[in-house]
Structures are given as structure tokens and as C-alpha cells.
Amino acid sequence: MPNDIIAGESVVDRWAREMSRSMATRFPRRSFFGKVGRYATAAVAGGTASVLLLQEPALAIGCGCGADHSVGCLCLTGSNTCPSNTCECGCWIACDTSRCPSPQSIQWCDCCNQNPLTSRCVARCSNFPKNCFAKTWSGGCDPGFSIRCRKFSCLNHPTC
């Protein structure tokens, strides 16, 4: 039973057991260990490293959408490709089995506008923004203006 007191268990042990159970229900294991690793690295490195390691994704508050990434091209246009008048402007890989079967990884690529456009929230796509975020990844087209949407593909990747 979760609330049973184990004979001879100290208050500290009981507190640690309850805290670990509580955290296990709130945080996925990868998320928890990722944050512990970042904070441990920052504590050892100190100074400038902590500023780089402890960054969290920024919300698109300036766009008024409240989302932390751009709308997907598939939802925006019905096609998982960069729309016309955009260019691929940076890609990254993530282990995500919600879209790609394990052991494949997902590669996200931003599609940047080739001309400046006004940002807006896309209601039919869970209110994710388009034309809001600036290009942040290296590679791809220059000058990529704001990111209109992001596309994905499944890849065989050894780390997933």
C-alpha cells in the first residue's frame, strides 16, 4: 500500500519515498533525467555554461498564440512539404515515437518565408502560430525570414 508506514522507516526515508512517487507521476523519465543532467552540468561548469544549458523553450507570447513552436505544414496546407514562397531553413532530429515507429527518429525542418509576412495564430491547427518565430537553426536558405511552418520526416537514427 502506498501510504503504509514500513516498520523502522525514518521520517526522512518516508519523505523521500513519497517525493519520488509524486515526481514519478508528474515527470516522464526522459524529461526528469534530462533536466537533472542539465542542472548538474551547469552546477559543475558554472557561469556562462549555466545560461546556455538552462534555457527552456520560449512561448510565442509576442504572437499571442501561447505555443512554443510553429504550426505544422501538414495542418496548415494539407501537405507535409514546405509551401510555395518558403525554403527549408534548418533541421534537427528528435527521438519521438508518437509520429515515427521505434527505432526511427523524427527530423523536423522549418520552412521560412522568403518575404516578411505578418504573424497570426492558426485556429484550425490548435492555435499554433505561423510567421512568428525567427530562423534559429543553421543551414538552409538565407535570408530566411519568419518560420511559416515546420515539416517532419522519419529517419533511421542510431540514438533512438
C-alpha atoms as a PDB file:
ATOM      1  CA  MET A   1       0.000   0.000   0.000  1.00  0.00           C
ATOM      2  CA  PRO A   2       1.408   3.447  -0.887  1.00  0.00           C
ATOM      3  CA  ASN A   3       0.599   5.099   2.436  1.00  0.00           C
ATOM      4  CA  ASP A   4       1.562   2.229   4.747  1.00  0.00           C
ATOM      5  CA  ILE A   5       4.344   3.006   7.194  1.00  0.00           C
ATOM      6  CA  ILE A   6       7.146   0.488   6.928  1.00  0.00           C
ATOM      7  CA  ALA A   7       8.389  -0.701  10.318  1.00  0.00           C
ATOM      8  CA  GLY A   8      11.563   1.100  11.319  1.00  0.00           C
ATOM      9  CA  GLU A   9      11.341   3.609   8.473  1.00  0.00           C
ATOM     10  CA  SER A  10      12.629   7.045   9.410  1.00  0.00           C
ATOM     11  CA  VAL A  11      10.805  10.268   8.638  1.00  0.00           C
ATOM     12  CA  VAL A  12      13.438  11.135   6.018  1.00  0.00           C
ATOM     13  CA  ASP A  13      13.036   7.761   4.283  1.00  0.00           C
ATOM     14  CA  ARG A  14       9.265   8.110   4.289  1.00  0.00           C
ATOM     15  CA  TRP A  15       9.539  11.663   2.881  1.00  0.00           C
ATOM     16  CA  ALA A  16      11.991  10.530   0.162  1.00  0.00           C
ATOM     17  CA  ARG A  17       9.723   7.623  -0.832  1.00  0.00           C
ATOM     18  CA  GLU A  18       6.651   9.868  -1.116  1.00  0.00           C
ATOM     19  CA  MET A  19       8.565  12.555  -3.046  1.00  0.00           C
ATOM     20  CA  SER A  20       9.926  10.026  -5.535  1.00  0.00           C
ATOM     21  CA  ARG A  21       6.443   8.594  -6.140  1.00  0.00           C
ATOM     22  CA  SER A  22       4.998  12.046  -6.536  1.00  0.00           C
ATOM     23  CA  MET A  23       7.683  13.108  -9.025  1.00  0.00           C
ATOM     24  CA  ALA A  24       7.320   9.850 -10.968  1.00  0.00           C
ATOM     25  CA  THR A  25       3.664  10.634 -11.625  1.00  0.00           C
ATOM     26  CA  ARG A  26       4.387  14.216 -12.744  1.00  0.00           C
ATOM     27  CA  PHE A  27       7.523  13.914 -14.886  1.00  0.00           C
ATOM     28  CA  PRO A  28       8.277  11.484 -17.725  1.00  0.00           C
ATOM     29  CA  ARG A  29      11.578   9.718 -17.035  1.00  0.00           C
ATOM     30  CA  ARG A  30      13.406  11.230 -20.024  1.00  0.00           C
ATOM     31  CA  SER A  31      12.286  14.741 -19.132  1.00  0.00           C
ATOM     32  CA  PHE A  32      13.291  14.345 -15.491  1.00  0.00           C
ATOM     33  CA  PHE A  33      16.743  12.884 -16.185  1.00  0.00           C
ATOM     34  CA  GLY A  34      17.333  15.438 -18.942  1.00  0.00           C
ATOM     35  CA  LYS A  35      16.699  18.297 -16.539  1.00  0.00           C
ATOM     36  CA  VAL A  36      18.794  16.695 -13.779  1.00  0.00           C
ATOM     37  CA  GLY A  37      21.650  16.302 -16.251  1.00  0.00           C
ATOM     38  CA  ARG A  38      21.412  19.918 -17.403  1.00  0.00           C
ATOM     39  CA  TYR A  39      21.355  21.269 -13.867  1.00  0.00           C
ATOM     40  CA  ALA A  40      24.249  19.031 -12.793  1.00  0.00           C
ATOM     41  CA  THR A  41      26.333  20.137 -15.782  1.00  0.00           C
ATOM     42  CA  ALA A  42      25.530  23.766 -15.086  1.00  0.00           C
ATOM     43  CA  ALA A  43      26.481  23.372 -11.416  1.00  0.00           C
ATOM     44  CA  VAL A  44      29.852  21.866 -12.334  1.00  0.00           C
ATOM     45  CA  ALA A  45      30.590  24.288 -15.189  1.00  0.00           C
ATOM     46  CA  GLY A  46      29.053  27.367 -13.584  1.00  0.00           C
ATOM     47  CA  GLY A  47      28.922  30.864 -15.086  1.00  0.00           C
ATOM     48  CA  THR A  48      28.224  31.107 -18.789  1.00  0.00           C
ATOM     49  CA  ALA A  49      27.530  27.393 -19.226  1.00  0.00           C
ATOM     50  CA  SER A  50      24.547  27.610 -16.907  1.00  0.00           C
ATOM     51  CA  VAL A  51      22.966  30.317 -19.087  1.00  0.00           C
ATOM     52  CA  LEU A  52      23.305  28.104 -22.162  1.00  0.00           C
ATOM     53  CA  LEU A  53      22.245  24.837 -20.538  1.00  0.00           C
ATOM     54  CA  LEU A  54      19.253  26.013 -18.537  1.00  0.00           C
ATOM     55  CA  GLN A  55      17.313  27.604 -21.382  1.00  0.00           C
ATOM     56  CA  GLU A  56      13.721  26.436 -21.737  1.00  0.00           C
ATOM     57  CA  PRO A  57      11.619  26.897 -24.883  1.00  0.00           C
ATOM     58  CA  ALA A  58      10.127  30.363 -25.098  1.00  0.00           C
ATOM     59  CA  LEU A  59       6.415  30.727 -25.603  1.00  0.00           C
ATOM     60  CA  ALA A  60       5.154  32.712 -28.559  1.00  0.00           C
ATOM     61  CA  ILE A  61       3.686  35.309 -26.244  1.00  0.00           C
ATOM     62  CA  GLY A  62       4.616  38.096 -28.668  1.00  0.00           C
ATOM     63  CA  CYS A  63       2.396  36.453 -31.268  1.00  0.00           C
ATOM     64  CA  GLY A  64      -0.400  35.986 -28.766  1.00  0.00           C
ATOM     65  CA  CYS A  65      -0.786  32.278 -29.539  1.00  0.00           C
ATOM     66  CA  GLY A  66       0.722  30.800 -26.382  1.00  0.00           C
ATOM     67  CA  ALA A  67       2.534  27.989 -28.239  1.00  0.00           C
ATOM     68  CA  ASP A  68       6.224  27.180 -28.086  1.00  0.00           C
ATOM     69  CA  HIS A  69       6.693  26.200 -31.742  1.00  0.00           C
ATOM     70  CA  SER A  70       5.364  26.925 -35.201  1.00  0.00           C
ATOM     71  CA  VAL A  71       2.366  25.285 -36.836  1.00  0.00           C
ATOM     72  CA  GLY A  72       2.947  22.056 -38.766  1.00  0.00           C
ATOM     73  CA  CYS A  73       2.913  22.335 -42.563  1.00  0.00           C
ATOM     74  CA  LEU A  74       0.635  19.279 -42.778  1.00  0.00           C
ATOM     75  CA  CYS A  75      -2.058  21.028 -40.726  1.00  0.00           C
ATOM     76  CA  LEU A  76      -1.533  24.424 -42.348  1.00  0.00           C
ATOM     77  CA  THR A  77      -1.543  23.369 -46.005  1.00  0.00           C
ATOM     78  CA  GLY A  78      -2.578  19.709 -46.021  1.00  0.00           C
ATOM     79  CA  SER A  79       0.879  18.706 -47.280  1.00  0.00           C
ATOM     80  CA  ASN A  80       3.955  17.766 -45.242  1.00  0.00           C
ATOM     81  CA  THR A  81       6.233  19.856 -47.509  1.00  0.00           C
ATOM     82  CA  CYS A  82       7.444  23.449 -47.475  1.00  0.00           C
ATOM     83  CA  PRO A  83       4.751  25.667 -49.052  1.00  0.00           C
ATOM     84  CA  SER A  84       5.417  27.864 -52.085  1.00  0.00           C
ATOM     85  CA  ASN A  85       7.447  31.013 -51.411  1.00  0.00           C
ATOM     86  CA  THR A  86       9.214  29.300 -48.490  1.00  0.00           C
ATOM     87  CA  CYS A  87      12.515  27.475 -48.227  1.00  0.00           C
ATOM     88  CA  GLU A  88      13.890  24.884 -45.825  1.00  0.00           C
ATOM     89  CA  CYS A  89      15.830  26.903 -43.277  1.00  0.00           C
ATOM     90  CA  GLY A  90      17.134  24.466 -40.677  1.00  0.00           C
ATOM     91  CA  CYS A  91      16.527  20.938 -39.422  1.00  0.00           C
ATOM     92  CA  TRP A  92      17.036  18.923 -36.245  1.00  0.00           C
ATOM     93  CA  ILE A  93      16.463  15.353 -35.096  1.00  0.00           C
ATOM     94  CA  ALA A  94      14.433  14.174 -32.091  1.00  0.00           C
ATOM     95  CA  CYS A  95      13.521  10.759 -30.720  1.00  0.00           C
ATOM     96  CA  ASP A  96       9.727  10.775 -30.918  1.00  0.00           C
ATOM     97  CA  THR A  97       7.755   7.561 -31.346  1.00  0.00           C
ATOM     98  CA  SER A  98       4.412   9.390 -31.440  1.00  0.00           C
ATOM     99  CA  ARG A  99       4.858  10.003 -35.187  1.00  0.00           C
ATOM    100  CA  CYS A 100       7.607   7.568 -36.201  1.00  0.00           C
ATOM    101  CA  PRO A 101       7.785   3.894 -35.195  1.00  0.00           C
ATOM    102  CA  SER A 102      10.721   2.940 -32.969  1.00  0.00           C
ATOM    103  CA  PRO A 103      13.702   2.836 -33.573  1.00  0.00           C
ATOM    104  CA  GLN A 104      13.212   5.615 -36.114  1.00  0.00           C
ATOM    105  CA  SER A 105      13.657   9.235 -35.159  1.00  0.00           C
ATOM    106  CA  ILE A 106      11.828  12.276 -36.412  1.00  0.00           C
ATOM    107  CA  GLN A 107      13.556  15.036 -38.348  1.00  0.00           C
ATOM    108  CA  TRP A 108      11.855  18.423 -38.104  1.00  0.00           C
ATOM    109  CA  CYS A 109      12.644  21.094 -40.684  1.00  0.00           C
ATOM    110  CA  ASP A 110      11.493  24.702 -40.533  1.00  0.00           C
ATOM    111  CA  CYS A 111      10.100  26.329 -43.672  1.00  0.00           C
ATOM    112  CA  CYS A 112      10.982  30.049 -43.748  1.00  0.00           C
ATOM    113  CA  ASN A 113       9.209  32.743 -45.687  1.00  0.00           C
ATOM    114  CA  GLN A 114      11.212  34.302 -48.488  1.00  0.00           C
ATOM    115  CA  ASN A 115       9.453  37.615 -47.788  1.00  0.00           C
ATOM    116  CA  PRO A 116       8.437  39.203 -44.470  1.00  0.00           C
ATOM    117  CA  LEU A 117       4.842  38.353 -43.533  1.00  0.00           C
ATOM    118  CA  THR A 118       2.529  39.205 -40.637  1.00  0.00           C
ATOM    119  CA  SER A 119       2.256  36.588 -37.902  1.00  0.00           C
ATOM    120  CA  ARG A 120      -1.048  35.067 -36.874  1.00  0.00           C
ATOM    121  CA  CYS A 121      -2.462  32.169 -34.888  1.00  0.00           C
ATOM    122  CA  VAL A 122      -3.978  29.313 -36.892  1.00  0.00           C
ATOM    123  CA  ALA A 123      -7.197  28.359 -35.095  1.00  0.00           C
ATOM    124  CA  ARG A 124      -7.809  25.110 -37.010  1.00  0.00           C
ATOM    125  CA  CYS A 125      -4.300  23.946 -36.015  1.00  0.00           C
ATOM    126  CA  SER A 126      -4.615  24.158 -32.206  1.00  0.00           C
ATOM    127  CA  ASN A 127      -3.850  27.889 -32.394  1.00  0.00           C
ATOM    128  CA  PHE A 128      -0.176  27.357 -33.269  1.00  0.00           C
ATOM    129  CA  PRO A 129       1.428  30.443 -34.843  1.00  0.00           C
ATOM    130  CA  LYS A 130       2.663  30.954 -38.382  1.00  0.00           C
ATOM    131  CA  ASN A 131       5.121  33.679 -39.449  1.00  0.00           C
ATOM    132  CA  CYS A 132       6.011  34.257 -35.799  1.00  0.00           C
ATOM    133  CA  PHE A 133       9.384  32.747 -34.934  1.00  0.00           C
ATOM    134  CA  ALA A 134      12.712  33.745 -36.466  1.00  0.00           C
ATOM    135  CA  LYS A 135      15.112  31.288 -38.076  1.00  0.00           C
ATOM    136  CA  THR A 136      17.297  29.821 -35.320  1.00  0.00           C
ATOM    137  CA  TRP A 137      18.911  26.764 -36.909  1.00  0.00           C
ATOM    138  CA  SER A 138      21.978  26.900 -39.133  1.00  0.00           C
ATOM    139  CA  GLY A 139      21.790  25.809 -42.732  1.00  0.00           C
ATOM    140  CA  GLY A 140      19.126  26.170 -45.310  1.00  0.00           C
ATOM    141  CA  CYS A 141      18.130  29.307 -47.110  1.00  0.00           C
ATOM    142  CA  ASP A 142      19.251  32.824 -46.331  1.00  0.00           C
ATOM    143  CA  PRO A 143      17.763  35.232 -45.643  1.00  0.00           C
ATOM    144  CA  GLY A 144      15.026  33.033 -44.203  1.00  0.00           C
ATOM    145  CA  PHE A 145      12.550  35.458 -42.681  1.00  0.00           C
ATOM    146  CA  SER A 146       9.977  34.190 -40.188  1.00  0.00           C
ATOM    147  CA  ILE A 147       9.090  30.498 -39.968  1.00  0.00           C
ATOM    148  CA  ARG A 148       5.786  29.796 -41.713  1.00  0.00           C
ATOM    149  CA  CYS A 149       5.542  26.140 -40.651  1.00  0.00           C
ATOM    150  CA  ARG A 150       7.565  23.013 -39.905  1.00  0.00           C
ATOM    151  CA  LYS A 151       7.561  19.670 -41.669  1.00  0.00           C
ATOM    152  CA  PHE A 152       8.766  16.270 -40.484  1.00  0.00           C
ATOM    153  CA  SER A 153      10.174  13.028 -41.821  1.00  0.00           C
ATOM    154  CA  CYS A 154      11.021   9.695 -40.206  1.00  0.00           C
ATOM    155  CA  LEU A 155      14.668   8.580 -40.312  1.00  0.00           C
ATOM    156  CA  ASN A 156      16.644   5.582 -39.177  1.00  0.00           C
ATOM    157  CA  HIS A 157      18.789   7.065 -36.438  1.00  0.00           C
ATOM    158  CA  PRO A 158      21.095   5.064 -34.177  1.00  0.00           C
ATOM    159  CA  THR A 159      20.455   7.037 -30.981  1.00  0.00           C
ATOM    160  CA  CYS A 160      16.733   6.301 -30.735  1.00  0.00           C
END
